[in-house]
Protein backbone atom coordinates (compact mmCIF):
# COMPACT_ATOMS: atom_id res chain seq x y z
CA MET A 1 -21.85 -23.98 123.07
CA ARG A 2 -20.09 -25.68 120.15
CA SER A 3 -22.94 -28.18 119.74
CA LEU A 4 -25.42 -25.28 119.91
CA SER A 5 -23.76 -23.48 116.98
CA PHE A 6 -23.75 -26.71 114.94
CA SER A 7 -27.44 -27.35 115.67
CA ILE A 8 -28.40 -23.82 114.55
CA ARG A 9 -26.34 -24.19 111.38
CA TYR A 10 -27.83 -27.61 110.58
CA LEU A 11 -31.39 -26.35 111.04
CA PHE A 12 -31.23 -22.93 109.42
CA GLY A 13 -28.33 -23.46 107.01
CA LYS A 14 -28.70 -24.23 103.34
CA LYS A 15 -29.54 -27.87 102.55
CA SER A 16 -28.51 -29.82 99.50
CA THR A 17 -32.10 -31.04 99.05
CA ASN A 18 -35.18 -28.85 99.23
CA ALA A 19 -37.14 -31.78 100.64
CA ILE A 20 -35.30 -31.38 103.95
CA ASN A 21 -36.30 -27.72 104.16
CA ILE A 22 -39.89 -28.63 103.34
CA ILE A 23 -40.01 -31.38 105.98
CA SER A 24 -38.46 -29.07 108.57
CA GLY A 25 -40.98 -26.34 107.69
CA VAL A 26 -43.86 -28.79 107.92
CA SER A 27 -42.59 -29.88 111.34
CA VAL A 28 -42.48 -26.30 112.61
CA PHE A 29 -45.89 -25.56 111.06
CA GLY A 30 -47.45 -28.67 112.61
CA ILE A 31 -46.06 -27.91 116.05
CA SER A 32 -47.21 -24.28 115.84
CA ILE A 33 -50.75 -25.19 114.74
CA GLY A 34 -51.01 -27.90 117.38
CA THR A 35 -49.72 -25.58 120.09
CA ALA A 36 -52.11 -22.78 119.11
CA ALA A 37 -55.05 -25.20 118.91
CA LEU A 38 -54.25 -26.61 122.34
CA ILE A 39 -54.08 -23.15 123.93
CA LEU A 40 -57.23 -21.90 122.17
CA VAL A 41 -59.31 -24.96 123.07
CA MET A 42 -58.27 -24.66 126.71
CA SER A 43 -59.00 -20.92 126.58
CA VAL A 44 -62.50 -21.49 125.17
CA LEU A 45 -63.19 -24.06 127.89
CA ASN A 46 -61.92 -21.50 130.42
CA GLY A 47 -64.31 -18.97 128.94
CA PHE A 48 -67.30 -21.30 129.16
CA GLU A 49 -66.31 -22.25 132.69
CA ASP A 50 -66.13 -18.59 133.76
CA LEU A 51 -69.43 -17.82 132.03
CA ILE A 52 -71.32 -20.71 133.63
CA ILE A 53 -69.75 -20.06 137.02
CA SER A 54 -70.83 -16.41 136.86
CA LEU A 55 -74.38 -17.56 136.05
CA ILE A 56 -74.37 -20.14 138.84
CA ASN A 57 -72.99 -17.59 141.29
CA SER A 58 -75.94 -15.34 140.53
CA PHE A 59 -78.18 -18.14 141.79
CA ASN A 60 -76.08 -19.67 144.56
CA ALA A 61 -75.25 -17.74 147.70
CA ASP A 62 -71.67 -17.24 148.86
CA VAL A 63 -72.26 -19.65 151.75
CA LYS A 64 -75.07 -22.14 152.35
CA ILE A 65 -75.98 -23.81 155.65
CA THR A 66 -77.96 -27.07 155.63
CA VAL A 67 -78.36 -30.05 157.94
CA HIS A 68 -76.34 -33.25 157.47
CA GLU A 69 -79.32 -35.42 158.31
CA GLY A 70 -82.91 -34.69 157.43
CA LYS A 71 -84.42 -32.17 155.07
CA THR A 72 -85.55 -29.26 157.22
CA PHE A 73 -84.96 -27.86 160.69
CA ARG A 74 -86.42 -25.28 163.02
CA PRO A 75 -84.56 -21.94 162.85
CA ASP A 76 -82.96 -20.58 166.02
CA ASP A 77 -83.14 -16.81 166.57
CA GLN A 78 -79.97 -16.83 168.67
CA ILE A 79 -78.00 -18.59 165.96
CA TYR A 80 -79.42 -16.18 163.39
CA GLN A 81 -78.29 -13.17 165.43
CA LYS A 82 -74.81 -14.65 165.86
CA LEU A 83 -74.55 -15.24 162.12
CA VAL A 84 -75.57 -11.68 161.34
CA ALA A 85 -73.00 -10.41 163.85
CA ILE A 86 -70.03 -12.04 162.06
CA PRO A 87 -67.95 -9.13 160.66
CA ASN A 88 -67.67 -10.50 157.10
CA VAL A 89 -71.36 -11.45 156.82
CA LYS A 90 -73.41 -8.99 154.77
CA SER A 91 -76.82 -10.68 154.85
CA VAL A 92 -78.48 -13.91 156.03
CA SER A 93 -81.62 -15.29 154.42
CA PRO A 94 -83.53 -18.47 155.39
CA TYR A 95 -85.06 -20.55 152.60
CA LEU A 96 -87.28 -23.58 152.12
CA GLU A 97 -87.32 -25.91 149.11
CA GLU A 98 -90.01 -28.43 148.18
CA THR A 99 -91.05 -30.16 144.97
CA SER A 100 -94.61 -29.37 143.91
CA LEU A 101 -97.01 -30.09 141.07
CA LEU A 102 -97.85 -26.88 139.20
CA GLU A 103 -100.79 -26.25 136.91
CA TYR A 104 -101.36 -23.33 134.55
CA LYS A 105 -104.37 -23.34 132.24
CA SER A 106 -104.71 -27.16 132.49
CA VAL A 107 -101.01 -27.73 131.71
CA LYS A 108 -99.21 -29.54 134.54
CA ASP A 109 -95.57 -30.14 135.43
CA PHE A 110 -93.37 -30.60 138.46
CA ALA A 111 -91.04 -27.89 139.76
CA THR A 112 -89.03 -27.05 142.87
CA LEU A 113 -90.58 -24.21 144.83
CA LYS A 114 -87.99 -22.12 146.63
CA GLY A 115 -89.46 -20.04 149.41
CA VAL A 116 -87.37 -17.01 150.37
CA ASP A 117 -87.84 -13.98 152.59
CA SER A 118 -87.35 -10.27 151.95
CA ASN A 119 -83.58 -10.53 152.60
CA TYR A 120 -83.07 -12.71 149.54
CA HIS A 121 -82.48 -9.63 147.38
CA ALA A 122 -79.24 -9.08 149.30
CA VAL A 123 -78.17 -12.73 149.06
CA GLY A 124 -78.97 -13.83 145.50
CA ALA A 125 -78.65 -11.96 142.22
CA VAL A 126 -81.63 -13.64 140.52
CA SER A 127 -83.49 -10.33 140.59
CA GLN A 128 -80.79 -9.03 138.22
CA LYS A 129 -81.32 -11.95 135.81
CA MET A 130 -84.96 -11.26 134.99
CA ASP A 131 -86.00 -12.10 131.46
CA GLU A 132 -89.52 -10.76 131.91
CA GLY A 133 -91.44 -8.96 134.60
CA ARG A 134 -90.15 -8.26 138.12
CA PHE A 135 -88.89 -10.13 141.17
CA GLN A 136 -91.71 -9.55 143.68
CA LEU A 137 -93.26 -12.30 145.80
CA GLN A 138 -96.05 -10.43 147.59
CA SER A 139 -98.61 -7.82 146.66
CA ALA A 140 -102.05 -6.63 147.74
CA ALA A 141 -103.52 -9.07 145.20
CA GLY A 142 -101.89 -12.08 146.90
CA TYR A 143 -98.80 -14.25 146.76
CA GLN A 144 -96.77 -14.05 143.57
CA ALA A 145 -94.31 -16.33 141.78
CA VAL A 146 -91.14 -15.79 139.75
CA VAL A 147 -90.59 -18.77 137.45
CA GLY A 148 -87.59 -20.05 135.55
CA LEU A 149 -87.52 -19.63 131.78
CA GLY A 150 -87.77 -23.38 131.25
CA ILE A 151 -90.80 -23.67 133.54
CA ARG A 152 -92.41 -20.74 131.74
CA ASN A 153 -91.96 -22.49 128.41
CA LYS A 154 -93.20 -25.89 129.62
CA LEU A 155 -96.35 -24.47 131.20
CA ALA A 156 -96.83 -21.71 128.58
CA ILE A 157 -97.09 -19.09 131.33
CA SER A 158 -97.93 -15.51 130.36
CA ILE A 159 -97.19 -12.88 132.99
CA ASP A 160 -99.31 -10.42 131.01
CA ASP A 161 -102.49 -12.43 131.62
CA ASP A 162 -104.00 -10.76 134.68
CA PHE A 163 -106.69 -13.40 135.12
CA ALA A 164 -104.75 -16.66 134.83
CA ARG A 165 -103.29 -18.15 138.02
CA LEU A 166 -100.55 -20.65 138.71
CA THR A 167 -101.79 -23.42 141.01
CA ALA A 168 -99.42 -25.29 143.31
CA TYR A 169 -100.42 -28.74 144.61
CA MET A 170 -99.00 -30.61 147.58
CA PRO A 171 -100.21 -33.81 149.33
CA ASP A 172 -102.48 -32.90 152.23
CA PRO A 173 -102.08 -35.20 155.28
CA ASN A 174 -105.46 -33.94 156.50
CA GLY A 175 -107.15 -34.26 153.15
CA SER A 176 -109.94 -36.60 152.18
CA THR A 177 -110.05 -39.38 149.62
CA PHE A 178 -111.75 -37.05 147.17
CA GLN A 179 -109.45 -34.12 147.93
CA PRO A 180 -105.98 -35.56 148.76
CA PHE A 181 -104.07 -32.44 147.68
CA LYS A 182 -103.72 -29.03 149.19
CA LYS A 183 -103.61 -26.29 146.59
CA ARG A 184 -102.75 -22.61 146.63
CA MET A 185 -102.94 -19.95 143.94
CA LEU A 186 -99.98 -17.87 142.75
CA ILE A 187 -99.79 -14.86 140.44
CA PRO A 188 -96.89 -15.29 137.98
CA VAL A 189 -95.21 -11.87 137.72
CA GLY A 190 -91.67 -12.58 136.52
CA VAL A 191 -89.42 -14.93 134.55
CA PHE A 192 -85.74 -15.36 135.38
CA SER A 193 -83.02 -16.84 133.20
CA VAL A 194 -79.81 -17.95 134.90
CA GLN A 195 -78.72 -21.36 133.64
CA GLN A 196 -80.70 -24.12 131.95
CA GLU A 197 -80.58 -26.49 134.92
CA TYR A 198 -82.03 -23.86 137.24
CA ASP A 199 -84.40 -22.37 134.66
CA ASN A 200 -86.05 -25.78 134.18
CA LYS A 201 -86.32 -26.49 137.88
CA TYR A 202 -87.02 -23.51 140.15
CA VAL A 203 -89.95 -21.24 140.96
CA PHE A 204 -89.44 -18.55 143.61
CA VAL A 205 -92.26 -17.96 146.10
CA ASP A 206 -92.64 -16.32 149.49
CA ILE A 207 -91.35 -18.52 152.31
CA ASP A 208 -94.55 -18.05 154.38
CA PHE A 209 -96.62 -19.24 151.41
CA LEU A 210 -94.51 -22.38 151.00
CA GLN A 211 -94.43 -23.19 154.72
CA ASP A 212 -98.21 -23.12 154.75
CA LEU A 213 -98.48 -25.16 151.55
CA VAL A 214 -96.24 -27.99 152.78
CA HIS A 215 -97.41 -27.94 156.42
CA LYS A 216 -93.97 -26.94 157.71
CA ILE A 217 -94.69 -23.81 159.71
CA ASN A 218 -91.49 -22.37 161.14
CA GLN A 219 -89.36 -24.91 159.25
CA ILE A 220 -86.57 -24.11 156.78
CA THR A 221 -84.19 -26.00 154.53
CA GLY A 222 -81.25 -23.79 155.38
CA TYR A 223 -79.64 -20.37 155.43
CA GLU A 224 -78.06 -18.55 152.50
CA ILE A 225 -75.38 -16.02 153.36
CA GLN A 226 -73.86 -13.18 151.37
CA LEU A 227 -70.32 -12.17 152.36
CA LYS A 228 -68.75 -8.73 152.23
CA ASP A 229 -65.44 -10.17 151.02
CA TYR A 230 -65.62 -13.61 149.41
CA LYS A 231 -61.82 -13.94 149.44
CA ALA A 232 -61.98 -14.17 153.22
CA LYS A 233 -64.53 -17.01 153.05
CA ASP A 234 -62.38 -19.66 154.76
CA ARG A 235 -62.09 -17.75 158.02
CA THR A 236 -65.77 -16.78 157.88
CA ILE A 237 -66.89 -20.35 157.19
CA ALA A 238 -64.84 -21.52 160.18
CA SER A 239 -66.65 -18.94 162.35
CA ILE A 240 -70.04 -20.03 160.97
CA GLN A 241 -69.25 -23.70 161.60
CA SER A 242 -68.31 -22.97 165.21
CA ILE A 243 -71.68 -21.23 165.69
CA VAL A 244 -74.00 -23.79 164.05
CA GLY A 245 -72.18 -26.92 165.20
CA LYS A 246 -71.17 -30.20 163.56
CA GLU A 247 -74.72 -31.26 162.75
CA PHE A 248 -74.85 -28.54 160.09
CA LYS A 249 -73.08 -28.51 156.73
CA VAL A 250 -71.49 -25.19 155.67
CA GLN A 251 -70.60 -24.92 151.96
CA ASP A 252 -69.04 -22.23 149.80
CA ARG A 253 -69.91 -21.72 146.12
CA ASN A 254 -67.60 -24.43 144.80
CA GLN A 255 -68.81 -27.00 147.32
CA GLN A 256 -72.46 -26.33 146.49
CA ASP A 257 -71.82 -27.43 142.89
CA ALA A 258 -68.81 -29.69 143.41
CA ALA A 259 -69.93 -32.18 140.76
CA PHE A 260 -70.22 -29.45 138.13
CA TYR A 261 -66.75 -28.06 138.87
CA LYS A 262 -65.21 -31.53 138.69
CA LEU A 263 -66.98 -32.15 135.37
CA MET A 264 -65.64 -28.90 133.92
CA LYS A 265 -62.09 -29.77 135.00
CA ILE A 266 -62.40 -33.29 133.58
CA GLU A 267 -63.73 -31.94 130.28
CA LYS A 268 -60.85 -29.48 130.04
CA TRP A 269 -58.14 -32.02 130.73
CA VAL A 270 -59.68 -34.67 128.48
CA SER A 271 -59.60 -32.13 125.63
CA TYR A 272 -56.00 -31.36 126.58
CA ALA A 273 -55.09 -35.07 126.48
CA ILE A 274 -56.74 -35.60 123.07
CA LEU A 275 -54.97 -32.64 121.49
CA SER A 276 -51.69 -33.67 123.11
CA PHE A 277 -52.07 -37.06 121.41
CA VAL A 278 -52.54 -35.23 118.10
CA LEU A 279 -49.29 -33.39 118.80
CA VAL A 280 -47.58 -36.75 119.35
CA LEU A 281 -48.59 -37.69 115.80
CA VAL A 282 -47.29 -34.33 114.54
CA ALA A 283 -43.98 -35.05 116.30
CA PHE A 284 -43.27 -37.81 113.78
CA ASN A 285 -42.48 -34.98 111.36
CA ILE A 286 -39.69 -33.96 113.71
CA VAL A 287 -38.31 -37.50 113.60
CA GLY A 288 -38.41 -37.45 109.80
CA ALA A 289 -36.80 -34.02 109.54
CA LEU A 290 -33.99 -34.90 111.94
CA TRP A 291 -33.32 -38.19 110.23
CA MET A 292 -33.06 -36.43 106.85
CA ILE A 293 -30.62 -33.93 108.35
CA VAL A 294 -28.57 -36.79 109.87
CA LEU A 295 -28.34 -38.52 106.48
CA GLU A 296 -27.28 -35.30 104.78
CA LYS A 297 -24.69 -34.44 107.43
CA LYS A 298 -23.22 -37.92 107.94
CA LYS A 299 -19.92 -36.93 106.30
CA ASP A 300 -19.72 -33.91 108.58
CA ILE A 301 -20.39 -36.19 111.54
CA MET A 302 -17.52 -38.47 110.42
CA VAL A 303 -15.17 -35.52 110.15
CA LEU A 304 -16.16 -34.21 113.57
CA LYS A 305 -15.59 -37.61 115.15
CA THR A 306 -12.24 -37.94 113.41
CA MET A 307 -11.30 -34.59 114.99
CA GLY A 308 -12.16 -36.02 118.42
CA MET A 309 -15.80 -35.12 118.99
CA LYS A 310 -17.45 -37.54 121.41
CA ASP A 311 -20.66 -39.43 120.73
CA ASN A 312 -22.46 -37.44 123.42
CA SER A 313 -21.55 -34.19 121.66
CA VAL A 314 -22.89 -35.50 118.34
CA ARG A 315 -26.04 -36.66 120.08
CA MET A 316 -26.41 -33.25 121.69
CA ILE A 317 -26.15 -31.49 118.29
CA PHE A 318 -29.18 -33.28 116.92
CA MET A 319 -31.07 -33.18 120.20
CA GLN A 320 -30.70 -29.41 120.12
CA THR A 321 -31.71 -29.33 116.45
CA GLY A 322 -34.94 -31.13 117.33
CA LEU A 323 -35.52 -28.79 120.27
CA TRP A 324 -34.93 -25.82 117.96
CA ILE A 325 -37.67 -27.12 115.64
CA THR A 326 -39.95 -27.61 118.65
CA GLY A 327 -39.07 -24.24 120.19
CA VAL A 328 -39.71 -22.29 116.98
CA GLY A 329 -43.03 -24.13 116.61
CA ILE A 330 -44.01 -23.36 120.20
CA LEU A 331 -43.15 -19.66 119.79
CA ALA A 332 -45.09 -19.44 116.52
CA GLY A 333 -48.01 -21.25 118.16
CA PHE A 334 -48.02 -18.83 121.09
CA ILE A 335 -48.06 -15.85 118.74
CA LEU A 336 -50.84 -17.38 116.62
CA ALA A 337 -52.90 -18.15 119.73
CA MET A 338 -52.50 -14.56 120.98
CA VAL A 339 -53.56 -13.16 117.61
CA MET A 340 -56.64 -15.41 117.46
CA TYR A 341 -57.47 -14.55 121.07
CA MET A 342 -57.38 -10.79 120.37
CA LEU A 343 -59.47 -11.19 117.20
CA GLN A 344 -62.09 -13.27 119.04
CA LEU A 345 -62.14 -10.89 121.97
CA ARG A 346 -62.50 -7.78 119.85
CA PHE A 347 -64.38 -8.87 116.74
CA GLY A 348 -65.95 -12.23 117.70
CA ILE A 349 -64.66 -14.01 114.60
CA VAL A 350 -66.25 -17.28 115.81
CA PRO A 351 -69.89 -16.43 116.66
CA ILE A 352 -72.46 -18.54 118.48
CA PRO A 353 -75.89 -19.14 116.90
CA GLU A 354 -78.76 -17.01 118.16
CA GLY A 355 -80.59 -18.08 121.28
CA PHE A 356 -77.52 -18.46 123.48
CA LEU A 357 -76.60 -16.13 126.33
CA VAL A 358 -73.65 -14.66 124.42
CA ASP A 359 -73.16 -13.89 120.74
CA ARG A 360 -69.61 -15.25 120.48
CA TYR A 361 -67.57 -18.07 121.98
CA PRO A 362 -66.27 -16.87 125.35
CA ILE A 363 -62.52 -17.09 125.75
CA ASN A 364 -60.16 -16.60 128.67
CA LEU A 365 -56.41 -16.85 128.11
CA ARG A 366 -54.54 -17.98 131.22
CA TRP A 367 -50.78 -17.85 131.52
CA THR A 368 -50.80 -21.17 133.35
CA ASP A 369 -52.14 -22.75 130.15
CA PHE A 370 -49.13 -21.35 128.26
CA MET A 371 -46.84 -22.97 130.80
CA VAL A 372 -48.61 -26.34 130.69
CA VAL A 373 -48.80 -26.38 126.89
CA GLY A 374 -45.20 -25.18 126.49
CA ILE A 375 -43.87 -27.90 128.81
CA THR A 376 -46.02 -30.56 127.12
CA VAL A 377 -44.98 -29.68 123.58
CA ALA A 378 -41.32 -29.33 124.60
CA ALA A 379 -41.46 -32.78 126.20
CA ILE A 380 -43.00 -34.26 123.05
CA GLY A 381 -40.29 -32.62 120.93
CA PHE A 382 -37.58 -33.88 123.27
CA VAL A 383 -38.82 -37.47 123.07
CA ALA A 384 -39.16 -37.23 119.27
CA SER A 385 -35.52 -36.07 119.02
CA VAL A 386 -34.04 -38.92 121.08
CA LEU A 387 -34.03 -41.65 118.41
CA PRO A 388 -32.56 -39.62 115.49
CA SER A 389 -29.89 -38.10 117.72
CA ARG A 390 -28.95 -41.53 119.06
CA LYS A 391 -28.67 -42.89 115.51
CA ALA A 392 -26.47 -39.93 114.57
CA ALA A 393 -24.09 -40.78 117.40
CA GLU A 394 -23.88 -44.41 116.16
CA LEU A 395 -23.07 -43.55 112.53
CA ARG A 396 -19.28 -43.94 112.89
CA GLU A 397 -19.09 -47.70 112.48
CA SER A 398 -21.43 -47.77 109.52
CA ILE A 399 -19.42 -45.07 107.72
CA ARG A 400 -16.08 -46.72 108.48
CA TYR A 401 -16.82 -49.61 106.13
CA GLU A 402 -18.25 -47.58 103.25
């Protein structure tokens, strides 16, 4: 307690030189700005992660079933009925995916056709992410297509043109040398916009249409399942796995895009490491401030040692002084980060240029980030305080011969 009172007095008390006050203030300011920047950068990355995940989740089903080996398999009605009967399963929808060459008004490009059935509305939320038109795959006029925004732009598709058709080509094993491709016509009636990767890749069609096009009648790529309660997914996935067997792969949302989630985590922690290194550079101000205080208080240190104060107690005084500088900086940084967070959340003080999905940088403040940042900055401040405090404890011999 005695060392604590000395450390408070040495930090906040009046100094003989204004330079010490300035250096101490700069140290606190640097720590506070670095702390706030670290929290805000992590919060913005959290916001982007949540935004992209919400977009991906509107495309991906809660659970996906595919085969470990091969590309397609023949669906089993008994397995389907057992899947539907699982208490936490809301809907089950088979799907088929194949890459096809598409042509619209002489413009050609490749895309992945995803054939789905009428239950897909209950499994995926793509129908709620329509940029133009409607999500409808059949009509009296014929089979229809819902294309991604990127595909629409590449092929210059207009859903308002009632006469133009989208042609899908696939190699025909029964075709001739002059006609090696099988082609079918589609009516483009809708454009969805979920996430750039999916928008540039997928076109939704009726599963019967695609099975006929690729010569895979009664073949599917897998099942997509919507759950009633996603939090209970682990138990449900275990039940699904016991039904379909080991030859099938059962994945939740995170597992379906495992590479993306790992990339987001890596990006977040790389940013954290870079800003932490910046804080290490800022910590040199703490070293300078403490060393200036040690030089100013060296006579006081001599008096205290003459009165019997141990070296460890002297060391503790300046360690605590450094931690006070760090602690005040951390607290100020937390407050600044909270203020910036509220301003961004309410007023969008940092906007995003037009053309993006949102008009401001998304942000999500997590208390775990406060804990990680607080511990990191405190550790940096602790390490920065070690050398000056050790030198303060060794001042006795140098003063004795003055």
